[in-house]
Amino acid sequence: TLNVPLSVSGTLTMTSGIINTTDTNMLTLGTVTAAGTLSGVPSDTNMIRGPFTRTIANANTAFVLFPVGKSLYLPISLAPTTTSVSSITAQSFDTNSGTASAAITNLVGNRRWSATLNSGTFTDIDVRLGDALIASTNIPVQAPTANGVYTSSFGSTATYVAGTPNTTESNTAVDFANFTGFLSFAEANVCSGTPTPG
């Protein structure tokens, strides 16, 4: 448990144990001059419980992992196309009081994530959410607030990968102006059948 804010400028090696953080006692990886690297294999017993801030280099296009969780490991990875050095804070939650728009169905009721841009700029962003509850039919969804109306901002399809945990990754990036950072997962409410609906 952090009792003071802690900043790591080099490599953060996660070997075993839970790192408890708060908005006041934040763990930050990276600086303006060095993004920092993450090492280790996060899991239910090796993760950050609370907010975690990472510095992301200019001209980034790759996914950056935030190994966060609550009672379980619920990682989030973000792939912003950065146009300057950027700082993002992410965390996961075991609750979700949001509602589903008409574009989605089966919004998960006990999982959500937040990703807050502290500084910097990007043109667009993709997301990858991790949870054992995620199935092949799930897609990342976004709301204007944590308890707002979630919708298919990242499109109606996503890439599913089974693993520990399972992940759903956006196939369509959201541009900077439309990214709110309040995220969850659901299923797309798309028409199907024969003949193809018009």
Protein backbone atom coordinates (compact mmCIF):
# COMPACT_ATOMS: atom_id res chain seq x y z
CA THR A 1 0.00 0.00 0.00
CA LEU A 2 1.38 3.38 -1.01
CA ASN A 3 1.28 5.99 1.74
CA VAL A 4 2.86 8.65 -0.47
CA PRO A 5 2.89 9.25 -4.24
CA LEU A 6 5.58 7.21 -6.01
CA SER A 7 7.10 7.85 -9.43
CA VAL A 8 9.23 5.28 -11.27
CA SER A 9 11.36 6.66 -14.09
CA GLY A 10 12.93 3.41 -15.32
CA THR A 11 11.48 -0.12 -15.14
CA LEU A 12 8.61 -1.15 -12.87
CA THR A 13 9.03 -4.87 -12.19
CA MET A 14 5.91 -6.59 -10.90
CA THR A 15 6.89 -9.88 -9.26
CA SER A 16 4.23 -10.67 -6.66
CA GLY A 17 1.68 -8.89 -4.51
CA ILE A 18 -0.97 -6.19 -4.69
CA ILE A 19 0.00 -2.52 -4.99
CA ASN A 20 -2.79 -0.45 -3.41
CA THR A 21 -3.00 3.11 -4.72
CA THR A 22 -5.32 6.10 -4.39
CA ASP A 23 -5.82 9.38 -6.23
CA THR A 24 -3.62 10.98 -3.58
CA ASN A 25 -1.04 8.22 -3.26
CA MET A 26 -0.58 7.54 -6.97
CA LEU A 27 1.88 5.20 -8.67
CA THR A 28 3.31 6.78 -11.84
CA LEU A 29 5.51 5.08 -14.41
CA GLY A 30 7.58 7.30 -16.66
CA THR A 31 8.57 10.95 -16.98
CA VAL A 32 8.40 13.59 -19.70
CA THR A 33 11.79 12.44 -20.98
CA ALA A 34 11.39 8.67 -20.51
CA ALA A 35 8.17 6.68 -20.81
CA GLY A 36 9.36 3.89 -18.52
CA THR A 37 8.87 0.16 -19.02
CA LEU A 38 6.76 -2.48 -17.30
CA SER A 39 8.10 -5.95 -16.49
CA GLY A 40 6.56 -9.06 -14.95
CA VAL A 41 3.40 -11.13 -15.38
CA PRO A 42 0.40 -9.43 -13.73
CA SER A 43 -2.38 -11.60 -12.31
CA ASP A 44 -5.08 -11.72 -9.61
CA THR A 45 -2.25 -11.80 -7.03
CA ASN A 46 0.13 -9.44 -8.84
CA MET A 47 -1.57 -6.21 -9.88
CA ILE A 48 -2.30 -2.56 -9.05
CA ARG A 49 -5.51 -2.03 -7.08
CA GLY A 50 -6.43 1.58 -7.70
CA PRO A 51 -5.38 4.25 -10.19
CA PHE A 52 -2.13 3.91 -12.16
CA THR A 53 -0.56 6.62 -14.28
CA ARG A 54 1.70 5.99 -17.28
CA THR A 55 3.66 8.35 -19.50
CA ILE A 56 3.24 7.54 -23.20
CA ALA A 57 5.83 8.73 -25.68
CA ASN A 58 5.15 11.04 -28.61
CA ALA A 59 4.30 9.24 -31.90
CA ASN A 60 3.05 6.16 -30.04
CA THR A 61 0.71 3.76 -31.84
CA ALA A 62 1.23 0.63 -29.72
CA PHE A 63 -0.95 -0.71 -26.90
CA VAL A 64 0.23 0.33 -23.43
CA LEU A 65 -0.77 -1.96 -20.55
CA PHE A 66 -2.26 -0.76 -17.27
CA PRO A 67 -2.15 -3.89 -15.01
CA VAL A 68 -5.01 -2.85 -12.75
CA GLY A 69 -7.77 -4.70 -10.94
CA LYS A 70 -10.02 -4.80 -7.91
CA SER A 71 -11.01 -8.19 -6.47
CA LEU A 72 -9.70 -9.72 -9.72
CA TYR A 73 -7.16 -8.71 -12.35
CA LEU A 74 -8.97 -6.45 -14.86
CA PRO A 75 -6.31 -5.02 -17.16
CA ILE A 76 -6.84 -2.25 -19.66
CA SER A 77 -4.51 -1.48 -22.56
CA LEU A 78 -4.68 1.77 -24.51
CA ALA A 79 -3.25 2.55 -27.95
CA PRO A 80 -3.37 6.31 -28.45
CA THR A 81 -1.83 7.76 -31.60
CA THR A 82 0.01 10.44 -29.66
CA THR A 83 1.08 13.79 -31.09
CA SER A 84 2.98 14.77 -27.94
CA VAL A 85 4.23 13.10 -24.78
CA SER A 86 1.06 12.15 -22.90
CA SER A 87 0.06 11.07 -19.40
CA ILE A 88 -2.94 8.80 -18.80
CA THR A 89 -4.37 7.45 -15.54
CA ALA A 90 -6.43 4.24 -15.68
CA GLN A 91 -8.22 2.06 -13.16
CA SER A 92 -10.89 -0.63 -12.99
CA PHE A 93 -14.05 -1.00 -10.93
CA ASP A 94 -16.22 -3.91 -9.76
CA THR A 95 -19.42 -1.90 -10.23
CA ASN A 96 -21.25 -0.37 -13.17
CA SER A 97 -24.37 1.75 -12.67
CA GLY A 98 -24.50 2.86 -16.31
CA THR A 99 -27.23 1.93 -18.78
CA ALA A 100 -27.18 0.62 -22.33
CA SER A 101 -28.10 2.59 -25.44
CA ALA A 102 -30.23 1.03 -28.18
CA ALA A 103 -27.01 0.20 -30.05
CA ILE A 104 -25.91 -2.40 -27.47
CA THR A 105 -27.32 -5.12 -25.26
CA ASN A 106 -26.15 -7.15 -22.25
CA LEU A 107 -24.05 -4.38 -20.74
CA VAL A 108 -21.95 -5.96 -17.98
CA GLY A 109 -23.31 -4.87 -14.62
CA ASN A 110 -20.20 -5.23 -12.45
CA ARG A 111 -17.27 -4.08 -14.58
CA ARG A 112 -16.08 -0.73 -15.86
CA TRP A 113 -12.84 1.15 -16.44
CA SER A 114 -11.77 4.77 -16.50
CA ALA A 115 -8.94 6.24 -18.57
CA THR A 116 -8.20 9.90 -17.94
CA LEU A 117 -5.88 12.02 -20.07
CA ASN A 118 -3.86 14.19 -17.68
CA SER A 119 -1.70 15.90 -20.28
CA GLY A 120 -0.70 15.57 -23.91
CA THR A 121 -2.59 15.02 -27.14
CA PHE A 122 -3.51 12.18 -29.49
CA THR A 123 -5.45 11.90 -32.73
CA ASP A 124 -7.34 8.70 -31.94
CA ILE A 125 -7.28 5.75 -29.56
CA ASP A 126 -8.02 2.01 -29.46
CA VAL A 127 -8.76 0.08 -26.27
CA ARG A 128 -8.35 -3.49 -25.05
CA LEU A 129 -10.25 -4.64 -21.96
CA GLY A 130 -9.48 -7.78 -19.98
CA ASP A 131 -11.81 -9.88 -17.81
CA ALA A 132 -12.64 -13.56 -17.38
CA LEU A 133 -16.30 -12.64 -18.06
CA ILE A 134 -15.55 -11.40 -21.59
CA ALA A 135 -16.93 -13.62 -24.36
CA SER A 136 -16.38 -13.67 -28.12
CA THR A 137 -19.56 -11.64 -28.65
CA ASN A 138 -18.46 -8.73 -26.47
CA ILE A 139 -17.28 -5.32 -27.67
CA PRO A 140 -15.76 -2.35 -25.82
CA VAL A 141 -18.33 0.39 -25.14
CA GLN A 142 -18.10 3.97 -23.88
CA ALA A 143 -20.27 6.42 -21.94
CA PRO A 144 -20.09 10.19 -21.37
CA THR A 145 -19.88 9.60 -17.60
CA ALA A 146 -19.27 6.59 -15.35
CA ASN A 147 -23.00 6.11 -14.74
CA GLY A 148 -24.11 7.38 -18.14
CA VAL A 149 -25.47 5.67 -21.24
CA TYR A 150 -22.94 3.29 -22.81
CA THR A 151 -22.86 2.84 -26.57
CA SER A 152 -20.78 1.29 -29.35
CA SER A 153 -18.38 4.21 -29.86
CA PHE A 154 -15.70 1.78 -31.08
CA GLY A 155 -17.98 0.10 -33.61
CA SER A 156 -20.15 -3.00 -33.51
CA THR A 157 -17.34 -5.55 -33.90
CA ALA A 158 -14.23 -6.28 -31.87
CA THR A 159 -11.35 -8.75 -31.68
CA TYR A 160 -11.69 -11.41 -28.98
CA VAL A 161 -8.74 -13.35 -27.58
CA ALA A 162 -9.19 -16.13 -25.02
CA GLY A 163 -6.64 -16.00 -22.24
CA THR A 164 -5.98 -15.17 -18.61
CA PRO A 165 -8.01 -13.07 -18.68
CA ASN A 166 -10.00 -12.97 -21.93
CA THR A 167 -9.78 -9.71 -23.86
CA THR A 168 -11.89 -7.68 -26.27
CA GLU A 169 -10.09 -5.15 -28.47
CA SER A 170 -11.64 -2.37 -30.49
CA ASN A 171 -11.50 -2.70 -34.26
CA THR A 172 -12.37 0.97 -34.83
CA ALA A 173 -10.50 3.78 -33.09
CA VAL A 174 -12.29 6.70 -31.43
CA ASP A 175 -10.93 10.16 -32.25
CA PHE A 176 -9.59 12.48 -29.59
CA ALA A 177 -12.65 14.73 -29.44
CA ASN A 178 -15.03 11.81 -28.82
CA PHE A 179 -13.02 9.85 -26.26
CA THR A 180 -14.50 10.15 -22.77
CA GLY A 181 -12.52 7.38 -21.03
CA PHE A 182 -15.55 5.77 -19.33
CA LEU A 183 -15.42 2.20 -20.61
CA SER A 184 -17.10 -1.16 -20.21
CA PHE A 185 -18.14 -4.09 -22.42
CA ALA A 186 -21.41 -5.33 -23.87
CA GLU A 187 -22.78 -6.93 -27.02
CA ALA A 188 -23.69 -5.10 -30.21
CA ASN A 189 -27.42 -4.89 -30.89
CA VAL A 190 -27.17 -5.53 -34.62
CA CYS A 191 -29.77 -7.00 -36.92
CA SER A 192 -29.25 -10.46 -38.36
CA GLY A 193 -31.21 -13.06 -40.28
CA THR A 194 -32.30 -14.00 -43.77
CA PRO A 195 -33.04 -12.05 -45.83
CA THR A 196 -30.59 -9.39 -44.73
CA PRO A 197 -32.56 -6.64 -42.97
CA GLY A 198 -32.60 -3.26 -44.68
